[in-house]
């Protein structure tokens, strides 16, 4: 299983502040959670983020918009 993260359709640049995390799902013993953790989010982090997860059976994706008011 592989997860790819995108920020405005470009690969996310990971750093000490921006990390991809994979955790076992507490509710589904065979499942996983794919998280993007942004420490100290800043205005420059505002974007549309997308996670694409692929395995032998296919792929799934979810998107979210990070917006500061």
Foldseek 3Di string as FASTA:
>chain_A
DDKFKDFQNHGDDDDPQWDWDKAQDPVDNPDIDIDIGGHPDDQVSFTKMKMWDADPVGIDMDIDTDDDD
